Amino acid sequence: MSIKIGHIEVFCKDTAEARDWYVDVLGARPVSEQDEYQWVEIGGTEILLRPGKGVPGGGYKDSAVALVLYVEDAAVFKEQLENNGVEVTHGDNDECLTFQDPDGHWIQAVQR
């Protein structure tokens, strides 16, 4: 039996706002909309932005789950995020960035 990841689900207070942020800030590609459910795609992986409470605040290491993105140039990506008003911190080094989406989900960008 083989198993593979189907898609990732992210629970959001406002899925339309989340979709706009994922598209405008992260460069996700919008895939489809089903009522309040918004589908986007990043690097071949689909993400379902679905209605929910989001997650409470807290630090990156306190979160239960994080979305990790691979980027070509962390410095350029950091500038893109900051130009969109996203507060960026460094993880373990300058090539590892951490930040949050509008619902407080933690995202890490790693230079690869």
Protein backbone atom coordinates (compact mmCIF):
# COMPACT_ATOMS: atom_id res chain seq x y z
CA MET A 1 0.00 0.00 0.00
CA SER A 2 1.36 3.42 -0.87
CA ILE A 3 0.46 6.65 0.86
CA LYS A 4 0.98 10.20 -0.35
CA ILE A 5 -0.09 13.63 0.81
CA GLY A 6 -3.32 14.69 -0.89
CA HIS A 7 -3.51 18.33 0.17
CA ILE A 8 -3.01 20.54 3.22
CA GLU A 9 -5.95 22.11 5.06
CA VAL A 10 -5.54 25.44 6.82
CA PHE A 11 -8.38 26.64 9.05
CA CYS A 12 -9.09 30.37 8.62
CA LYS A 13 -11.44 32.95 10.12
CA ASP A 14 -11.96 34.59 6.71
CA THR A 15 -11.09 32.31 3.81
CA ALA A 16 -11.38 35.00 1.13
CA GLU A 17 -8.93 37.22 3.05
CA ALA A 18 -6.62 34.23 3.55
CA ARG A 19 -6.78 33.38 -0.17
CA ASP A 20 -5.87 36.95 -1.11
CA TRP A 21 -2.93 36.89 1.31
CA TYR A 22 -1.63 33.51 0.07
CA VAL A 23 -1.93 34.71 -3.55
CA ASP A 24 -0.69 38.29 -3.14
CA VAL A 25 2.03 37.73 -0.53
CA LEU A 26 3.22 34.15 -1.12
CA GLY A 27 2.51 33.96 -4.84
CA ALA A 28 0.13 31.01 -4.55
CA ARG A 29 -1.97 30.17 -7.58
CA PRO A 30 -5.75 30.27 -7.00
CA VAL A 31 -7.26 26.93 -8.01
CA SER A 32 -10.98 27.04 -7.20
CA GLU A 33 -13.63 28.33 -4.84
CA GLN A 34 -16.42 26.26 -3.27
CA ASP A 35 -18.64 28.55 -1.21
CA GLU A 36 -16.37 29.57 1.69
CA TYR A 37 -13.73 26.99 0.77
CA GLN A 38 -10.77 28.42 -1.16
CA TRP A 39 -8.22 26.25 -2.96
CA VAL A 40 -4.72 27.55 -3.77
CA GLU A 41 -1.58 25.83 -4.99
CA ILE A 42 2.07 26.44 -4.12
CA GLY A 43 4.80 24.48 -5.88
CA GLY A 44 2.49 21.66 -6.93
CA THR A 45 0.85 21.21 -3.52
CA GLU A 46 -2.78 22.22 -3.08
CA ILE A 47 -3.86 23.99 0.09
CA LEU A 48 -7.50 24.15 1.14
CA LEU A 49 -8.30 27.30 3.08
CA ARG A 50 -11.38 26.30 5.01
CA PRO A 51 -13.61 28.04 7.56
CA GLY A 52 -12.42 27.62 11.13
CA LYS A 53 -11.16 29.41 14.19
CA GLY A 54 -7.54 29.72 13.06
CA VAL A 55 -4.94 29.25 15.76
CA PRO A 56 -4.06 31.23 18.87
CA GLY A 57 -0.88 33.27 19.10
CA GLY A 58 2.36 32.05 20.53
CA GLY A 59 5.83 31.51 19.23
CA TYR A 60 6.91 29.34 16.33
CA LYS A 61 8.26 26.62 18.62
CA ASP A 62 4.96 26.62 20.55
CA SER A 63 2.84 25.84 17.50
CA ALA A 64 1.51 22.39 16.73
CA VAL A 65 2.13 22.54 12.96
CA ALA A 66 3.91 24.83 10.50
CA LEU A 67 3.91 25.11 6.74
CA VAL A 68 7.47 25.05 5.34
CA LEU A 69 8.29 26.60 1.97
CA TYR A 70 11.53 26.24 0.03
CA VAL A 71 12.72 29.47 -1.61
CA GLU A 72 15.63 30.19 -3.93
CA ASP A 73 16.80 33.35 -2.16
CA ALA A 74 15.79 33.99 1.45
CA ALA A 75 16.92 37.66 1.36
CA VAL A 76 14.78 38.44 -1.69
CA PHE A 77 11.81 36.55 -0.23
CA LYS A 78 12.19 38.37 3.10
CA GLU A 79 12.12 41.72 1.28
CA GLN A 80 8.97 40.63 -0.58
CA LEU A 81 7.28 39.67 2.68
CA GLU A 82 8.27 42.88 4.47
CA ASN A 83 7.09 44.97 1.50
CA ASN A 84 3.69 43.34 2.09
CA GLY A 85 3.69 44.24 5.80
CA VAL A 86 4.65 40.77 7.07
CA GLU A 87 6.79 40.67 10.21
CA VAL A 88 9.67 38.27 9.60
CA THR A 89 11.96 36.68 12.17
CA HIS A 90 14.88 34.34 11.66
CA GLY A 91 14.76 30.72 12.62
CA ASP A 92 18.04 28.93 13.12
CA ASN A 93 19.98 31.12 10.65
CA ASP A 94 19.64 33.93 8.07
CA GLU A 95 18.49 31.46 5.41
CA CYS A 96 15.56 30.31 7.56
CA LEU A 97 12.69 32.79 7.96
CA THR A 98 9.59 32.47 10.12
CA PHE A 99 6.38 34.50 9.81
CA GLN A 100 2.63 34.17 10.26
CA ASP A 101 -0.37 34.32 7.94
CA PRO A 102 -3.37 36.54 8.85
CA ASP A 103 -4.82 33.79 11.10
CA GLY A 104 -1.58 33.30 13.02
CA HIS A 105 -0.48 30.07 11.31
CA TRP A 106 3.29 29.78 11.34
CA ILE A 107 5.14 29.51 8.05
CA GLN A 108 8.84 28.93 7.62
CA ALA A 109 10.77 29.73 4.46
CA VAL A 110 14.05 27.90 3.98
CA GLN A 111 16.61 28.76 1.32
CA ARG A 112 17.35 25.68 -0.81
